[in-house]
Amino acid sequence: MSLQQRDHDTAVGWINTELAELRREVGKPNASAAARSAITLAFLLRAISDTEHREFQARIDEIYADYKPSHATAA
């Protein structure tokens, strides 16, 4: 495995961990900060592509979209 592929795998694993944490913390102040920071840093370091960057950002949006309807129903 090349260094570039290992960096990519590490970045994706880190981002997925942060997204899982966001799912647990969604609704709290700044819940998405760590996930957004991980995605941005991985992109700036060129560990993930522009397409992956957009896809990960969309996953954050999906987490919030899933949260809002269930949160409104619970209230």
C-alpha atoms as a PDB file:
ATOM      1  CA  MET A   1       0.000   0.000   0.000  1.00  0.00           C
ATOM      2  CA  SER A   2       1.361   3.398  -0.947  1.00  0.00           C
ATOM      3  CA  LEU A   3       1.789   6.243   1.509  1.00  0.00           C
ATOM      4  CA  GLN A   4      -0.915   8.203  -0.324  1.00  0.00           C
ATOM      5  CA  GLN A   5      -3.383   5.321  -0.010  1.00  0.00           C
ATOM      6  CA  ARG A   6      -2.550   4.866   3.659  1.00  0.00           C
ATOM      7  CA  ASP A   7      -3.089   8.595   4.266  1.00  0.00           C
ATOM      8  CA  HIS A   8      -6.419   8.375   2.468  1.00  0.00           C
ATOM      9  CA  ASP A   9      -7.533   5.362   4.493  1.00  0.00           C
ATOM     10  CA  THR A  10      -6.483   7.057   7.729  1.00  0.00           C
ATOM     11  CA  ALA A  11      -8.352  10.257   6.822  1.00  0.00           C
ATOM     12  CA  VAL A  12     -11.518   8.404   5.838  1.00  0.00           C
ATOM     13  CA  GLY A  13     -11.412   6.379   9.053  1.00  0.00           C
ATOM     14  CA  TRP A  14     -10.964   9.538  11.108  1.00  0.00           C
ATOM     15  CA  ILE A  15     -13.819  11.291   9.304  1.00  0.00           C
ATOM     16  CA  ASN A  16     -16.132   8.305   9.718  1.00  0.00           C
ATOM     17  CA  THR A  17     -15.343   8.228  13.445  1.00  0.00           C
ATOM     18  CA  GLU A  18     -16.174  11.920  13.736  1.00  0.00           C
ATOM     19  CA  LEU A  19     -19.421  11.406  11.794  1.00  0.00           C
ATOM     20  CA  ALA A  20     -20.400   8.602  14.165  1.00  0.00           C
ATOM     21  CA  GLU A  21     -19.694  10.899  17.104  1.00  0.00           C
ATOM     22  CA  LEU A  22     -21.806  13.603  15.459  1.00  0.00           C
ATOM     23  CA  ARG A  23     -24.728  11.154  15.242  1.00  0.00           C
ATOM     24  CA  ARG A  24     -24.470  10.669  19.014  1.00  0.00           C
ATOM     25  CA  GLU A  25     -24.043  14.384  19.758  1.00  0.00           C
ATOM     26  CA  VAL A  26     -26.355  15.926  17.157  1.00  0.00           C
ATOM     27  CA  GLY A  27     -28.440  18.698  18.637  1.00  0.00           C
ATOM     28  CA  LYS A  28     -25.739  19.899  21.005  1.00  0.00           C
ATOM     29  CA  PRO A  29     -23.934  23.194  20.348  1.00  0.00           C
ATOM     30  CA  ASN A  30     -21.092  22.835  17.833  1.00  0.00           C
ATOM     31  CA  ALA A  31     -21.829  19.122  17.403  1.00  0.00           C
ATOM     32  CA  SER A  32     -20.551  19.109  13.832  1.00  0.00           C
ATOM     33  CA  ALA A  33     -17.378  21.112  14.497  1.00  0.00           C
ATOM     34  CA  ALA A  34     -15.032  18.134  14.825  1.00  0.00           C
ATOM     35  CA  ALA A  35     -16.460  16.345  11.788  1.00  0.00           C
ATOM     36  CA  ARG A  36     -16.314  19.483   9.627  1.00  0.00           C
ATOM     37  CA  SER A  37     -12.758  20.174  10.798  1.00  0.00           C
ATOM     38  CA  ALA A  38     -11.649  16.620  10.010  1.00  0.00           C
ATOM     39  CA  ILE A  39     -13.187  16.808   6.536  1.00  0.00           C
ATOM     40  CA  THR A  40     -11.654  20.201   5.801  1.00  0.00           C
ATOM     41  CA  LEU A  41      -8.207  19.239   7.061  1.00  0.00           C
ATOM     42  CA  ALA A  42      -8.199  15.979   5.101  1.00  0.00           C
ATOM     43  CA  PHE A  43      -9.190  17.908   1.982  1.00  0.00           C
ATOM     44  CA  LEU A  44      -6.561  20.607   2.496  1.00  0.00           C
ATOM     45  CA  LEU A  45      -3.900  17.933   3.001  1.00  0.00           C
ATOM     46  CA  ARG A  46      -5.119  16.284  -0.221  1.00  0.00           C
ATOM     47  CA  ALA A  47      -5.891  13.045   1.577  1.00  0.00           C
ATOM     48  CA  ILE A  48      -9.436  13.103   0.152  1.00  0.00           C
ATOM     49  CA  SER A  49     -10.677  14.323  -3.209  1.00  0.00           C
ATOM     50  CA  ASP A  50     -13.013  17.206  -3.945  1.00  0.00           C
ATOM     51  CA  THR A  51     -15.791  14.679  -4.626  1.00  0.00           C
ATOM     52  CA  GLU A  52     -15.227  12.950  -1.287  1.00  0.00           C
ATOM     53  CA  HIS A  53     -15.139  16.342   0.430  1.00  0.00           C
ATOM     54  CA  ARG A  54     -18.603  17.168  -0.950  1.00  0.00           C
ATOM     55  CA  GLU A  55     -19.924  13.694  -0.104  1.00  0.00           C
ATOM     56  CA  PHE A  56     -18.775  13.905   3.523  1.00  0.00           C
ATOM     57  CA  GLN A  57     -20.268  17.389   3.872  1.00  0.00           C
ATOM     58  CA  ALA A  58     -23.531  16.019   2.464  1.00  0.00           C
ATOM     59  CA  ARG A  59     -23.472  13.255   5.100  1.00  0.00           C
ATOM     60  CA  ILE A  60     -23.361  15.924   7.814  1.00  0.00           C
ATOM     61  CA  ASP A  61     -26.359  17.604   6.199  1.00  0.00           C
ATOM     62  CA  GLU A  62     -28.165  14.236   6.150  1.00  0.00           C
ATOM     63  CA  ILE A  63     -27.455  13.671   9.842  1.00  0.00           C
ATOM     64  CA  TYR A  64     -29.022  17.027  10.657  1.00  0.00           C
ATOM     65  CA  ALA A  65     -31.951  16.406   8.294  1.00  0.00           C
ATOM     66  CA  ASP A  66     -32.629  13.063  10.006  1.00  0.00           C
ATOM     67  CA  TYR A  67     -32.377  14.689  13.422  1.00  0.00           C
ATOM     68  CA  LYS A  68     -34.766  17.585  12.818  1.00  0.00           C
ATOM     69  CA  PRO A  69     -37.859  15.515  11.945  1.00  0.00           C
ATOM     70  CA  SER A  70     -37.340  13.064  14.802  1.00  0.00           C
ATOM     71  CA  HIS A  71     -36.614  15.921  17.226  1.00  0.00           C
ATOM     72  CA  ALA A  72     -39.784  17.779  16.203  1.00  0.00           C
ATOM     73  CA  THR A  73     -41.850  14.600  16.587  1.00  0.00           C
ATOM     74  CA  ALA A  74     -40.485  13.975  20.081  1.00  0.00           C
ATOM     75  CA  ALA A  75     -41.483  17.471  21.198  1.00  0.00           C
END
